[in-house]
Protein backbone atom coordinates (compact mmCIF):
# COMPACT_ATOMS: atom_id res chain seq x y z
CA UNK A 1 -16.38 -23.58 53.10
CA UNK A 2 -14.43 -20.48 52.46
CA UNK A 3 -11.07 -20.85 50.49
CA UNK A 4 -8.33 -23.26 50.33
CA UNK A 5 -4.65 -23.39 49.32
CA UNK A 6 -3.08 -26.51 48.73
CA UNK A 7 0.46 -26.11 48.73
CA UNK A 8 3.85 -27.58 48.39
CA UNK A 9 2.56 -31.31 49.39
CA UNK A 10 0.47 -34.28 48.23
CA UNK A 11 -3.74 -34.78 49.14
CA UNK A 12 -5.83 -37.79 48.45
CA UNK A 13 -9.43 -37.22 48.84
CA UNK A 14 -11.75 -40.03 48.55
CA UNK A 15 -15.37 -39.28 49.66
CA UNK A 16 -19.02 -41.14 48.91
CA UNK A 17 -20.39 -38.56 46.48
CA UNK A 18 -18.61 -35.86 46.93
CA UNK A 19 -14.90 -35.72 46.61
CA UNK A 20 -13.49 -32.17 46.67
CA UNK A 21 -16.38 -29.76 46.84
CA UNK A 22 -18.04 -25.78 47.48
CA UNK A 23 -15.26 -23.18 48.68
CA UNK A 24 -13.10 -21.58 46.48
CA UNK A 25 -9.62 -24.04 46.00
CA UNK A 26 -5.97 -23.04 44.61
CA UNK A 27 -3.82 -25.40 43.99
CA UNK A 28 0.14 -24.88 43.91
CA UNK A 29 2.79 -26.47 43.41
CA UNK A 30 0.86 -29.88 44.29
CA UNK A 31 0.06 -33.29 43.76
CA UNK A 32 -3.41 -34.57 44.59
CA UNK A 33 -5.51 -37.18 43.74
CA UNK A 34 -9.49 -36.08 44.24
CA UNK A 35 -12.73 -39.18 44.19
CA UNK A 36 -16.26 -38.55 44.77
CA UNK A 37 -18.33 -41.37 43.27
CA UNK A 38 -21.16 -38.70 41.72
CA UNK A 39 -25.18 -39.45 42.25
CA UNK A 40 -28.30 -40.06 40.34
CA UNK A 41 -30.29 -37.47 41.95
CA UNK A 42 -27.07 -34.97 41.69
CA UNK A 43 -25.98 -34.23 37.70
CA UNK A 44 -23.16 -32.14 39.76
CA UNK A 45 -21.97 -34.44 42.50
CA UNK A 46 -18.44 -35.82 41.38
CA UNK A 47 -14.66 -35.36 42.12
CA UNK A 48 -13.92 -32.32 42.29
CA UNK A 49 -17.71 -30.14 42.15
CA UNK A 50 -19.87 -26.91 43.39
CA UNK A 51 -16.97 -24.47 43.20
CA UNK A 52 -17.56 -21.33 44.36
CA UNK A 53 -14.96 -20.35 41.58
CA UNK A 54 -12.87 -22.01 38.97
CA UNK A 55 -10.13 -23.49 40.86
CA UNK A 56 -6.60 -21.62 40.30
CA UNK A 57 -3.44 -23.37 39.88
CA UNK A 58 0.14 -22.90 40.26
CA UNK A 59 2.44 -24.74 38.86
CA UNK A 60 0.38 -27.99 38.79
CA UNK A 61 -2.65 -28.96 36.25
CA UNK A 62 -4.94 -31.71 36.05
CA UNK A 63 -3.41 -34.15 34.45
CA UNK A 64 -5.82 -36.42 34.78
CA UNK A 65 -8.18 -37.53 32.93
CA UNK A 66 -7.44 -36.40 29.99
CA UNK A 67 -10.00 -33.77 27.85
CA UNK A 68 -11.81 -32.15 31.17
CA UNK A 69 -13.74 -28.59 31.24
CA UNK A 70 -15.78 -26.98 34.03
CA UNK A 71 -19.60 -26.38 33.53
CA UNK A 72 -21.04 -23.72 35.37
CA UNK A 73 -24.38 -24.18 37.15
CA UNK A 74 -26.83 -21.27 38.16
CA UNK A 75 -28.51 -22.16 41.15
CA UNK A 76 -30.40 -19.03 42.93
CA UNK A 77 -28.71 -17.13 41.93
CA UNK A 78 -25.28 -18.29 42.46
CA UNK A 79 -23.10 -19.80 40.04
CA UNK A 80 -21.03 -23.26 40.61
CA UNK A 81 -17.82 -25.45 38.85
CA UNK A 82 -18.02 -29.24 38.31
CA UNK A 83 -15.27 -30.94 36.54
CA UNK A 84 -16.55 -32.59 33.41
CA UNK A 85 -15.38 -35.18 31.48
CA UNK A 86 -15.50 -35.48 27.53
CA UNK A 87 -18.56 -37.21 27.61
CA UNK A 88 -19.95 -33.63 29.37
CA UNK A 89 -20.84 -35.22 32.86
CA UNK A 90 -19.09 -34.81 36.29
CA UNK A 91 -16.27 -36.90 36.62
CA UNK A 92 -16.61 -39.70 39.17
CA UNK A 93 -13.01 -41.10 38.32
CA UNK A 94 -9.93 -40.46 40.23
CA UNK A 95 -8.83 -36.73 39.31
CA UNK A 96 -4.91 -36.21 39.53
CA UNK A 97 -3.62 -32.40 39.58
CA UNK A 98 0.41 -32.72 39.34
CA UNK A 99 3.18 -31.22 37.34
CA UNK A 100 2.22 -33.05 34.22
CA UNK A 101 4.15 -34.30 31.58
CA UNK A 102 7.35 -32.39 29.62
CA UNK A 103 5.63 -30.79 26.44
CA UNK A 104 8.08 -29.97 24.07
CA UNK A 105 12.43 -29.84 24.20
CA UNK A 106 12.88 -25.66 24.86
CA UNK A 107 15.26 -23.66 23.00
CA UNK A 108 18.10 -22.91 25.33
CA UNK A 109 19.42 -19.18 25.10
CA UNK A 110 22.13 -17.12 26.13
CA UNK A 111 23.27 -13.53 26.28
CA UNK A 112 27.08 -15.07 26.26
CA UNK A 113 29.12 -13.97 23.58
CA UNK A 114 31.64 -16.22 21.62
CA UNK A 115 35.18 -15.66 22.18
CA UNK A 116 36.84 -14.09 19.01
CA UNK A 117 39.84 -16.46 17.45
CA UNK A 118 40.71 -19.91 16.45
CA UNK A 119 39.77 -22.75 19.17
CA UNK A 120 40.42 -26.07 18.86
CA UNK A 121 37.25 -28.67 19.56
CA UNK A 122 38.72 -29.53 23.61
CA UNK A 123 39.07 -25.14 23.62
CA UNK A 124 43.28 -24.41 23.02
CA UNK A 125 43.09 -21.53 21.44
CA UNK A 126 45.59 -21.49 18.24
CA UNK A 127 47.78 -18.38 16.95
CA UNK A 128 47.92 -17.51 13.55
CA UNK A 129 45.74 -18.30 10.49
CA UNK A 130 43.08 -20.55 9.56
CA UNK A 131 44.61 -21.19 6.20
CA UNK A 132 47.93 -21.95 8.08
CA UNK A 133 46.66 -24.51 10.73
CA UNK A 134 46.84 -28.52 10.07
CA UNK A 135 43.60 -30.11 8.39
CA UNK A 136 40.41 -30.44 11.33
CA UNK A 137 37.81 -29.08 12.94
CA UNK A 138 37.75 -25.63 14.68
CA UNK A 139 35.98 -23.47 16.22
CA UNK A 140 36.30 -19.93 14.72
CA UNK A 141 34.91 -16.64 16.16
CA UNK A 142 31.60 -18.71 17.65
CA UNK A 143 31.20 -21.02 14.53
CA UNK A 144 32.01 -24.58 14.15
CA UNK A 145 34.57 -25.12 10.78
CA UNK A 146 35.99 -28.08 9.23
CA UNK A 147 39.64 -27.49 7.51
CA UNK A 148 40.02 -30.20 4.36
């Protein structure tokens, strides 16, 4: 097999010994499930195995099982890659490639400049000085101020 790109779609592969195998693979913004049962005669047989290069992931990643790595095997001067689990053996259970779970909350950034002046929380611009306004919460030059 040459190269294959799985892009903007869903794909499920279930096979006997080898799931996704051979060739060069790119996974781009997709959801893929793959399963190969492996073989007692081939330690590299499994769900994703015998790839000519490590696969490329664009806007997606292996989400299940966790703690997987790529094992390289040298055969007749060529290197092949197999997905292995935490136990160091080829993964033979379902492998899921997808967007994954959010890992945190990013801080919002802006280039907008806060308006100068005094505003109420509802956005009404106030005239005059803060010390002459009644008690309350105001936005003064972009910062929240409590006047007591």
